[in-house]
Amino acid sequence: MLLGGVCELAVAKPFAKTTGQESSSSSQSSVIMSQGTTEQDLDLLRQDLRAKKQQLIGENLPLSDAEAEKFWPLYRRYTMI
């Protein structure tokens, strides 16, 4: 009986630390969001990420001019959904 109680304590402590760390990180993200981050800021960030992603794809996807004329409009249509 005593051994079972010791094992439970050993398991409970790491779990408590993990739970505490998760709540700490979520409270940090809440603080970051509440420090003046607006929807407009988030939209600008998303646009920047989309542009960088498109640039990366363009650099690594060899397309002829004819292929690019067909590909990029389709890419933009499906990534903006």
C-alpha atoms as a PDB file:
ATOM      1  CA  MET A   1       0.000   0.000   0.000  1.00  0.00           C
ATOM      2  CA  LEU A   2       2.718   2.446   0.919  1.00  0.00           C
ATOM      3  CA  LEU A   3       4.667   1.726  -2.261  1.00  0.00           C
ATOM      4  CA  GLY A   4       1.592   2.462  -4.405  1.00  0.00           C
ATOM      5  CA  GLY A   5       1.208   5.896  -2.783  1.00  0.00           C
ATOM      6  CA  VAL A   6       4.853   6.751  -3.474  1.00  0.00           C
ATOM      7  CA  CYS A   7       4.463   5.815  -7.143  1.00  0.00           C
ATOM      8  CA  GLU A   8       1.388   8.000  -7.445  1.00  0.00           C
ATOM      9  CA  LEU A   9       3.266  10.964  -6.003  1.00  0.00           C
ATOM     10  CA  ALA A  10       6.148  10.437  -8.401  1.00  0.00           C
ATOM     11  CA  VAL A  11       3.751  10.474 -11.365  1.00  0.00           C
ATOM     12  CA  ALA A  12       1.705  13.426 -10.126  1.00  0.00           C
ATOM     13  CA  LYS A  13       4.611  15.864  -9.775  1.00  0.00           C
ATOM     14  CA  PRO A  14       5.819  15.808 -13.407  1.00  0.00           C
ATOM     15  CA  PHE A  15       2.216  16.084 -14.603  1.00  0.00           C
ATOM     16  CA  ALA A  16       1.696  19.122 -12.364  1.00  0.00           C
ATOM     17  CA  LYS A  17       4.786  20.776 -13.848  1.00  0.00           C
ATOM     18  CA  THR A  18       3.581  20.131 -17.389  1.00  0.00           C
ATOM     19  CA  THR A  19       0.161  21.555 -16.626  1.00  0.00           C
ATOM     20  CA  GLY A  20       1.740  24.609 -15.017  1.00  0.00           C
ATOM     21  CA  GLN A  21       4.001  25.152 -18.000  1.00  0.00           C
ATOM     22  CA  GLU A  22       1.080  24.944 -20.417  1.00  0.00           C
ATOM     23  CA  SER A  23      -0.939  27.510 -18.506  1.00  0.00           C
ATOM     24  CA  SER A  24       2.138  29.719 -18.306  1.00  0.00           C
ATOM     25  CA  SER A  25       2.693  29.651 -22.076  1.00  0.00           C
ATOM     26  CA  SER A  26      -0.988  30.306 -22.791  1.00  0.00           C
ATOM     27  CA  SER A  27      -0.973  33.253 -20.409  1.00  0.00           C
ATOM     28  CA  GLN A  28       2.150  34.588 -22.152  1.00  0.00           C
ATOM     29  CA  SER A  29       0.403  34.442 -25.527  1.00  0.00           C
ATOM     30  CA  SER A  30      -2.572  36.265 -24.008  1.00  0.00           C
ATOM     31  CA  VAL A  31      -0.230  38.987 -22.787  1.00  0.00           C
ATOM     32  CA  ILE A  32       1.357  39.300 -26.223  1.00  0.00           C
ATOM     33  CA  MET A  33      -2.063  39.525 -27.875  1.00  0.00           C
ATOM     34  CA  SER A  34      -3.266  42.127 -25.379  1.00  0.00           C
ATOM     35  CA  GLN A  35      -0.262  44.412 -25.922  1.00  0.00           C
ATOM     36  CA  GLY A  36      -1.812  46.199 -28.867  1.00  0.00           C
ATOM     37  CA  THR A  37      -1.968  43.420 -31.443  1.00  0.00           C
ATOM     38  CA  THR A  38      -4.939  44.103 -33.656  1.00  0.00           C
ATOM     39  CA  GLU A  39      -6.698  42.183 -36.379  1.00  0.00           C
ATOM     40  CA  GLN A  40      -5.041  44.531 -38.860  1.00  0.00           C
ATOM     41  CA  ASP A  41      -1.619  43.528 -37.510  1.00  0.00           C
ATOM     42  CA  LEU A  42      -2.503  39.858 -37.846  1.00  0.00           C
ATOM     43  CA  ASP A  43      -3.754  40.368 -41.403  1.00  0.00           C
ATOM     44  CA  LEU A  44      -0.479  42.080 -42.333  1.00  0.00           C
ATOM     45  CA  LEU A  45       1.480  39.208 -40.814  1.00  0.00           C
ATOM     46  CA  ARG A  46      -0.572  36.675 -42.761  1.00  0.00           C
ATOM     47  CA  GLN A  47      -0.042  38.593 -46.008  1.00  0.00           C
ATOM     48  CA  ASP A  48       3.700  38.700 -45.375  1.00  0.00           C
ATOM     49  CA  LEU A  49       3.813  34.966 -44.693  1.00  0.00           C
ATOM     50  CA  ARG A  50       1.823  34.234 -47.853  1.00  0.00           C
ATOM     51  CA  ALA A  51       4.175  36.391 -49.925  1.00  0.00           C
ATOM     52  CA  LYS A  52       7.251  34.685 -48.486  1.00  0.00           C
ATOM     53  CA  LYS A  53       5.713  31.256 -49.102  1.00  0.00           C
ATOM     54  CA  GLN A  54       4.948  32.183 -52.710  1.00  0.00           C
ATOM     55  CA  GLN A  55       8.492  33.488 -53.179  1.00  0.00           C
ATOM     56  CA  LEU A  56       9.938  30.258 -51.767  1.00  0.00           C
ATOM     57  CA  ILE A  57       7.778  28.143 -54.058  1.00  0.00           C
ATOM     58  CA  GLY A  58       8.718  30.293 -57.042  1.00  0.00           C
ATOM     59  CA  GLU A  59      12.419  29.887 -56.313  1.00  0.00           C
ATOM     60  CA  ASN A  60      12.180  26.110 -55.982  1.00  0.00           C
ATOM     61  CA  LEU A  61       9.605  25.214 -58.632  1.00  0.00           C
ATOM     62  CA  PRO A  62      11.081  25.404 -62.113  1.00  0.00           C
ATOM     63  CA  LEU A  63       8.299  26.539 -64.454  1.00  0.00           C
ATOM     64  CA  SER A  64       8.392  27.712 -68.012  1.00  0.00           C
ATOM     65  CA  ASP A  65       6.641  31.005 -68.792  1.00  0.00           C
ATOM     66  CA  ALA A  66       3.604  29.175 -70.161  1.00  0.00           C
ATOM     67  CA  GLU A  67       3.420  26.921 -67.089  1.00  0.00           C
ATOM     68  CA  ALA A  68       3.797  29.873 -64.732  1.00  0.00           C
ATOM     69  CA  GLU A  69       0.947  31.726 -66.462  1.00  0.00           C
ATOM     70  CA  LYS A  70      -1.328  28.770 -65.728  1.00  0.00           C
ATOM     71  CA  PHE A  71       0.022  27.835 -62.296  1.00  0.00           C
ATOM     72  CA  TRP A  72       0.143  31.116 -60.339  1.00  0.00           C
ATOM     73  CA  PRO A  73      -3.492  32.173 -60.808  1.00  0.00           C
ATOM     74  CA  LEU A  74      -4.621  28.729 -59.652  1.00  0.00           C
ATOM     75  CA  TYR A  75      -2.207  28.799 -56.735  1.00  0.00           C
ATOM     76  CA  ARG A  76      -3.451  32.210 -55.612  1.00  0.00           C
ATOM     77  CA  ARG A  77      -7.102  31.182 -55.951  1.00  0.00           C
ATOM     78  CA  TYR A  78      -6.691  28.085 -53.788  1.00  0.00           C
ATOM     79  CA  THR A  79      -4.436  29.631 -51.153  1.00  0.00           C
ATOM     80  CA  MET A  80      -6.762  32.569 -50.526  1.00  0.00           C
ATOM     81  CA  ILE A  81      -9.739  30.371 -49.659  1.00  0.00           C
END
